[in-house]
Amino acid sequence: MISRRSAFKKTKRLFVIAAEGDATEPMYFAAFQPGRHGTFRLKVLDNPRHKTSPLKVVERLTDYERVYQPGSDTEYWAVVDRDTWVEEELAAAWTLIGTKKGHYHLALSNPCFELWLWLHLFPNRPFAGRHDCCRSLAREWSGFRTKSDFDVAALVTTQHIADACERARRLDTDPSTPWPRHQATRIHQLVERLR
């Protein structure tokens, strides 16, 4: 008996990412594009007019879902920095995510996304804030020239990603909270889904 191949392929899981930043985060996640034969699809949303508040990041995800209706096999990830946002601003984003019944996620870095980049190459150290983290990254790694000019390929090796994920898990001392209250990052939760 000859078996026929189905005319329909199983839909690949779609990951939709909206980030607060308009340079560093899109450059980093673009390196995860799976290509034609990958096991998932990836859409990194543009950041028009540099809408940066946590709530605006989540709203870009909800707008994408409303307009394109990609289906139930989609995960939406808001990539946000703790930076100077007050608790109420973060809570507003978290509340909107909570209304989406498990398809929406918050990957927050405290103080900033560059902490995640740092963890690819170095063990954690305390940073006074975003500027200290960026200056330290530029001083310690010649591949980081600016937030829009860094050697992404050097970071996304299997070993560097594994190191970053392990270091990030150790840093997140209370993963039951909606976002890290102290220096930590939850970007590893997204990256582990993409690997």
C-alpha atoms as a PDB file:
ATOM      1  CA  MET A   1       0.000   0.000   0.000  1.00  0.00           C
ATOM      2  CA  ILE A   2       1.364   3.424  -0.937  1.00  0.00           C
ATOM      3  CA  SER A   3       1.099   6.063   1.722  1.00  0.00           C
ATOM      4  CA  ARG A   4       0.414   9.595   0.646  1.00  0.00           C
ATOM      5  CA  ARG A   5       1.993  12.647   2.120  1.00  0.00           C
ATOM      6  CA  SER A   6      -0.446  15.121   3.483  1.00  0.00           C
ATOM      7  CA  ALA A   7      -0.986  18.175   1.332  1.00  0.00           C
ATOM      8  CA  PHE A   8      -0.915  20.282   4.485  1.00  0.00           C
ATOM      9  CA  LYS A   9       2.104  20.784   6.672  1.00  0.00           C
ATOM     10  CA  LYS A  10       1.776  21.269  10.385  1.00  0.00           C
ATOM     11  CA  THR A  11       1.923  24.961  11.218  1.00  0.00           C
ATOM     12  CA  LYS A  12       5.136  25.940  12.942  1.00  0.00           C
ATOM     13  CA  ARG A  13       4.885  27.731  16.270  1.00  0.00           C
ATOM     14  CA  LEU A  14       5.191  31.488  15.808  1.00  0.00           C
ATOM     15  CA  PHE A  15       7.082  33.647  18.292  1.00  0.00           C
ATOM     16  CA  VAL A  16       6.212  37.343  18.124  1.00  0.00           C
ATOM     17  CA  ILE A  17       8.619  39.630  19.986  1.00  0.00           C
ATOM     18  CA  ALA A  18       8.124  43.302  20.786  1.00  0.00           C
ATOM     19  CA  ALA A  19      10.990  45.065  22.510  1.00  0.00           C
ATOM     20  CA  GLU A  20      11.362  48.325  24.313  1.00  0.00           C
ATOM     21  CA  GLY A  21      14.597  49.122  22.482  1.00  0.00           C
ATOM     22  CA  ASP A  22      14.767  49.782  18.773  1.00  0.00           C
ATOM     23  CA  ALA A  23      18.347  48.587  18.112  1.00  0.00           C
ATOM     24  CA  THR A  24      19.985  46.145  20.528  1.00  0.00           C
ATOM     25  CA  GLU A  25      17.090  43.745  21.083  1.00  0.00           C
ATOM     26  CA  PRO A  26      16.003  43.461  17.418  1.00  0.00           C
ATOM     27  CA  MET A  27      19.632  42.863  16.362  1.00  0.00           C
ATOM     28  CA  TYR A  28      20.043  40.140  18.959  1.00  0.00           C
ATOM     29  CA  PHE A  29      16.795  38.285  18.230  1.00  0.00           C
ATOM     30  CA  ALA A  30      17.266  38.529  14.455  1.00  0.00           C
ATOM     31  CA  ALA A  31      20.150  36.086  14.930  1.00  0.00           C
ATOM     32  CA  PHE A  32      17.600  33.440  15.946  1.00  0.00           C
ATOM     33  CA  GLN A  33      15.723  33.513  12.620  1.00  0.00           C
ATOM     34  CA  PRO A  34      15.216  29.801  11.958  1.00  0.00           C
ATOM     35  CA  GLY A  35      15.292  29.887   8.178  1.00  0.00           C
ATOM     36  CA  ARG A  36      13.059  27.925   5.870  1.00  0.00           C
ATOM     37  CA  HIS A  37      13.653  24.534   7.472  1.00  0.00           C
ATOM     38  CA  GLY A  38      13.474  25.675  11.092  1.00  0.00           C
ATOM     39  CA  THR A  39      11.056  24.261  13.618  1.00  0.00           C
ATOM     40  CA  PHE A  40       9.421  27.616  14.400  1.00  0.00           C
ATOM     41  CA  ARG A  41       8.777  31.046  12.895  1.00  0.00           C
ATOM     42  CA  LEU A  42       9.943  34.325  14.390  1.00  0.00           C
ATOM     43  CA  LYS A  43       8.548  37.837  13.991  1.00  0.00           C
ATOM     44  CA  VAL A  44      10.404  40.701  15.672  1.00  0.00           C
ATOM     45  CA  LEU A  45       8.144  43.739  15.581  1.00  0.00           C
ATOM     46  CA  ASP A  46       9.466  47.136  14.591  1.00  0.00           C
ATOM     47  CA  ASN A  47       9.419  49.864  17.186  1.00  0.00           C
ATOM     48  CA  PRO A  48       7.770  52.739  15.299  1.00  0.00           C
ATOM     49  CA  ARG A  49       8.213  56.149  16.836  1.00  0.00           C
ATOM     50  CA  HIS A  50      10.300  54.402  19.530  1.00  0.00           C
ATOM     51  CA  LYS A  51       7.303  53.536  21.746  1.00  0.00           C
ATOM     52  CA  THR A  52       9.103  52.430  24.849  1.00  0.00           C
ATOM     53  CA  SER A  53       6.847  52.201  27.884  1.00  0.00           C
ATOM     54  CA  PRO A  54       6.182  48.643  29.055  1.00  0.00           C
ATOM     55  CA  LEU A  55       2.471  49.013  28.331  1.00  0.00           C
ATOM     56  CA  LYS A  56       3.176  50.303  24.793  1.00  0.00           C
ATOM     57  CA  VAL A  57       5.386  47.254  24.154  1.00  0.00           C
ATOM     58  CA  VAL A  58       2.567  44.885  25.141  1.00  0.00           C
ATOM     59  CA  GLU A  59       0.054  46.916  23.130  1.00  0.00           C
ATOM     60  CA  ARG A  60       2.210  46.443  20.014  1.00  0.00           C
ATOM     61  CA  LEU A  61       1.817  42.697  20.551  1.00  0.00           C
ATOM     62  CA  THR A  62      -1.959  42.940  20.992  1.00  0.00           C
ATOM     63  CA  ASP A  63      -2.195  45.134  17.881  1.00  0.00           C
ATOM     64  CA  TYR A  64      -0.263  42.541  15.889  1.00  0.00           C
ATOM     65  CA  GLU A  65      -2.556  39.757  17.126  1.00  0.00           C
ATOM     66  CA  ARG A  66      -5.680  41.772  16.317  1.00  0.00           C
ATOM     67  CA  VAL A  67      -4.528  42.710  12.800  1.00  0.00           C
ATOM     68  CA  TYR A  68      -2.864  39.458  11.668  1.00  0.00           C
ATOM     69  CA  GLN A  69      -4.693  36.862  13.787  1.00  0.00           C
ATOM     70  CA  PRO A  70      -1.870  34.301  13.557  1.00  0.00           C
ATOM     71  CA  GLY A  71      -3.718  31.641  15.558  1.00  0.00           C
ATOM     72  CA  SER A  72      -3.444  29.740  18.797  1.00  0.00           C
ATOM     73  CA  ASP A  73       0.031  28.317  18.093  1.00  0.00           C
ATOM     74  CA  THR A  74       1.577  31.730  18.735  1.00  0.00           C
ATOM     75  CA  GLU A  75       3.560  33.051  21.688  1.00  0.00           C
ATOM     76  CA  TYR A  76       3.846  36.782  22.315  1.00  0.00           C
ATOM     77  CA  TRP A  77       6.877  38.095  24.203  1.00  0.00           C
ATOM     78  CA  ALA A  78       7.303  41.617  25.580  1.00  0.00           C
ATOM     79  CA  VAL A  79      11.016  42.344  26.117  1.00  0.00           C
ATOM     80  CA  VAL A  80      11.292  45.217  28.572  1.00  0.00           C
ATOM     81  CA  ASP A  81      13.932  46.865  30.764  1.00  0.00           C
ATOM     82  CA  ARG A  82      13.333  47.722  34.420  1.00  0.00           C
ATOM     83  CA  ASP A  83      15.302  50.948  34.027  1.00  0.00           C
ATOM     84  CA  THR A  84      13.455  53.887  35.556  1.00  0.00           C
ATOM     85  CA  TRP A  85       9.908  52.586  35.124  1.00  0.00           C
ATOM     86  CA  VAL A  86       7.827  52.868  38.266  1.00  0.00           C
ATOM     87  CA  GLU A  87       5.964  49.851  39.609  1.00  0.00           C
ATOM     88  CA  GLU A  88       2.615  51.145  38.313  1.00  0.00           C
ATOM     89  CA  GLU A  89       3.916  51.242  34.725  1.00  0.00           C
ATOM     90  CA  LEU A  90       5.223  47.688  34.946  1.00  0.00           C
ATOM     91  CA  ALA A  91       2.026  46.547  36.650  1.00  0.00           C
ATOM     92  CA  ALA A  92      -0.096  47.987  33.816  1.00  0.00           C
ATOM     93  CA  ALA A  93       1.842  45.889  31.285  1.00  0.00           C
ATOM     94  CA  TRP A  94       1.621  42.817  33.534  1.00  0.00           C
ATOM     95  CA  THR A  95      -2.146  43.268  33.933  1.00  0.00           C
ATOM     96  CA  LEU A  96      -2.669  43.374  30.163  1.00  0.00           C
ATOM     97  CA  ILE A  97      -0.514  40.264  29.757  1.00  0.00           C
ATOM     98  CA  GLY A  98      -2.654  38.527  32.385  1.00  0.00           C
ATOM     99  CA  THR A  99      -5.792  39.061  30.312  1.00  0.00           C
ATOM    100  CA  LYS A 100      -4.298  37.036  27.440  1.00  0.00           C
ATOM    101  CA  LYS A 101      -4.541  33.605  29.079  1.00  0.00           C
ATOM    102  CA  GLY A 102      -1.033  32.213  28.780  1.00  0.00           C
ATOM    103  CA  HIS A 103      -0.008  33.182  25.250  1.00  0.00           C
ATOM    104  CA  TYR A 104       1.653  36.416  26.412  1.00  0.00           C
ATOM    105  CA  HIS A 105       4.899  36.622  28.375  1.00  0.00           C
ATOM    106  CA  LEU A 106       7.053  39.313  29.954  1.00  0.00           C
ATOM    107  CA  ALA A 107      10.831  38.951  29.662  1.00  0.00           C
ATOM    108  CA  LEU A 108      12.103  41.797  31.821  1.00  0.00           C
ATOM    109  CA  SER A 109      15.738  42.657  32.492  1.00  0.00           C
ATOM    110  CA  ASN A 110      16.685  44.587  35.596  1.00  0.00           C
ATOM    111  CA  PRO A 111      18.303  47.031  34.977  1.00  0.00           C
ATOM    112  CA  CYS A 112      18.578  46.555  31.176  1.00  0.00           C
ATOM    113  CA  PHE A 113      18.819  44.156  28.236  1.00  0.00           C
ATOM    114  CA  GLU A 114      22.593  44.634  28.125  1.00  0.00           C
ATOM    115  CA  LEU A 115      22.806  42.622  31.368  1.00  0.00           C
ATOM    116  CA  TRP A 116      21.631  39.643  29.270  1.00  0.00           C
ATOM    117  CA  LEU A 117      24.429  40.312  26.768  1.00  0.00           C
ATOM    118  CA  TRP A 118      26.940  40.561  29.625  1.00  0.00           C
ATOM    119  CA  LEU A 119      25.886  37.153  30.968  1.00  0.00           C
ATOM    120  CA  HIS A 120      26.833  35.498  27.665  1.00  0.00           C
ATOM    121  CA  LEU A 121      30.485  36.301  28.360  1.00  0.00           C
ATOM    122  CA  PHE A 122      30.955  37.061  32.052  1.00  0.00           C
ATOM    123  CA  PRO A 123      29.607  36.063  35.462  1.00  0.00           C
ATOM    124  CA  ASN A 124      27.237  38.534  37.074  1.00  0.00           C
ATOM    125  CA  ARG A 125      28.521  41.591  38.862  1.00  0.00           C
ATOM    126  CA  PRO A 126      26.518  44.437  40.400  1.00  0.00           C
ATOM    127  CA  PHE A 127      25.731  47.325  38.061  1.00  0.00           C
ATOM    128  CA  ALA A 128      24.658  50.788  39.197  1.00  0.00           C
ATOM    129  CA  GLY A 129      22.207  50.971  36.276  1.00  0.00           C
ATOM    130  CA  ARG A 130      21.916  50.869  32.495  1.00  0.00           C
ATOM    131  CA  HIS A 131      24.819  53.222  31.797  1.00  0.00           C
ATOM    132  CA  ASP A 132      27.180  51.330  34.099  1.00  0.00           C
ATOM    133  CA  CYS A 133      26.207  48.036  32.458  1.00  0.00           C
ATOM    134  CA  CYS A 134      26.741  49.400  28.911  1.00  0.00           C
ATOM    135  CA  ARG A 135      30.062  51.048  29.820  1.00  0.00           C
ATOM    136  CA  SER A 136      31.282  47.841  31.467  1.00  0.00           C
ATOM    137  CA  LEU A 137      30.237  45.757  28.475  1.00  0.00           C
ATOM    138  CA  ALA A 138      32.102  48.097  26.085  1.00  0.00           C
ATOM    139  CA  ARG A 139      35.181  48.127  28.335  1.00  0.00           C
ATOM    140  CA  GLU A 140      35.345  44.341  28.840  1.00  0.00           C
ATOM    141  CA  TRP A 141      34.283  43.114  25.384  1.00  0.00           C
ATOM    142  CA  SER A 142      35.729  44.573  22.196  1.00  0.00           C
ATOM    143  CA  GLY A 143      32.708  43.226  20.269  1.00  0.00           C
ATOM    144  CA  PHE A 144      30.396  45.809  21.886  1.00  0.00           C
ATOM    145  CA  ARG A 145      30.955  49.199  20.327  1.00  0.00           C
ATOM    146  CA  THR A 146      27.503  50.722  20.799  1.00  0.00           C
ATOM    147  CA  LYS A 147      23.967  49.481  21.423  1.00  0.00           C
ATOM    148  CA  SER A 148      23.408  49.398  17.665  1.00  0.00           C
ATOM    149  CA  ASP A 149      26.849  48.057  16.746  1.00  0.00           C
ATOM    150  CA  PHE A 150      27.917  44.841  18.406  1.00  0.00           C
ATOM    151  CA  ASP A 151      29.097  41.397  17.329  1.00  0.00           C
ATOM    152  CA  VAL A 152      25.867  39.396  17.621  1.00  0.00           C
ATOM    153  CA  ALA A 153      27.368  36.290  16.007  1.00  0.00           C
ATOM    154  CA  ALA A 154      29.999  36.075  18.755  1.00  0.00           C
ATOM    155  CA  LEU A 155      27.244  35.946  21.398  1.00  0.00           C
ATOM    156  CA  VAL A 156      24.821  33.437  19.906  1.00  0.00           C
ATOM    157  CA  THR A 157      27.129  30.446  19.980  1.00  0.00           C
ATOM    158  CA  THR A 158      25.721  27.370  21.674  1.00  0.00           C
ATOM    159  CA  GLN A 159      28.139  27.681  24.604  1.00  0.00           C
ATOM    160  CA  HIS A 160      27.618  31.409  25.208  1.00  0.00           C
ATOM    161  CA  ILE A 161      23.839  31.017  25.140  1.00  0.00           C
ATOM    162  CA  ALA A 162      24.020  28.064  27.550  1.00  0.00           C
ATOM    163  CA  ASP A 163      26.254  30.118  29.890  1.00  0.00           C
ATOM    164  CA  ALA A 164      23.899  33.111  29.751  1.00  0.00           C
ATOM    165  CA  CYS A 165      20.848  30.954  30.492  1.00  0.00           C
ATOM    166  CA  GLU A 166      22.543  29.264  33.434  1.00  0.00           C
ATOM    167  CA  ARG A 167      23.773  32.558  34.884  1.00  0.00           C
ATOM    168  CA  ALA A 168      20.346  34.172  34.426  1.00  0.00           C
ATOM    169  CA  ARG A 169      18.567  31.284  36.174  1.00  0.00           C
ATOM    170  CA  ARG A 170      20.919  31.614  39.146  1.00  0.00           C
ATOM    171  CA  LEU A 171      20.365  35.380  39.318  1.00  0.00           C
ATOM    172  CA  ASP A 172      16.582  35.152  39.405  1.00  0.00           C
ATOM    173  CA  THR A 173      16.181  34.333  43.072  1.00  0.00           C
ATOM    174  CA  ASP A 174      12.381  34.659  43.076  1.00  0.00           C
ATOM    175  CA  PRO A 175      10.971  33.512  39.708  1.00  0.00           C
ATOM    176  CA  SER A 176       7.413  33.520  41.104  1.00  0.00           C
ATOM    177  CA  THR A 177       7.260  37.338  40.931  1.00  0.00           C
ATOM    178  CA  PRO A 178       5.951  38.979  37.739  1.00  0.00           C
ATOM    179  CA  TRP A 179       9.397  40.528  37.116  1.00  0.00           C
ATOM    180  CA  PRO A 180      12.784  40.467  38.877  1.00  0.00           C
ATOM    181  CA  ARG A 181      12.896  42.925  41.764  1.00  0.00           C
ATOM    182  CA  HIS A 182      16.720  42.908  41.902  1.00  0.00           C
ATOM    183  CA  GLN A 183      19.416  42.712  39.240  1.00  0.00           C
ATOM    184  CA  ALA A 184      18.391  39.802  37.030  1.00  0.00           C
ATOM    185  CA  THR A 185      16.967  39.022  33.617  1.00  0.00           C
ATOM    186  CA  ARG A 186      14.273  36.699  32.346  1.00  0.00           C
ATOM    187  CA  ILE A 187      15.335  36.809  28.698  1.00  0.00           C
ATOM    188  CA  HIS A 188      16.536  33.232  29.166  1.00  0.00           C
ATOM    189  CA  GLN A 189      12.894  32.087  29.344  1.00  0.00           C
ATOM    190  CA  LEU A 190      12.358  33.273  25.772  1.00  0.00           C
ATOM    191  CA  VAL A 191      15.730  32.118  24.455  1.00  0.00           C
ATOM    192  CA  GLU A 192      15.215  28.641  25.901  1.00  0.00           C
ATOM    193  CA  ARG A 193      11.933  28.438  23.989  1.00  0.00           C
ATOM    194  CA  LEU A 194      13.721  29.441  20.772  1.00  0.00           C
ATOM    195  CA  ARG A 195      16.536  26.881  21.145  1.00  0.00           C
END
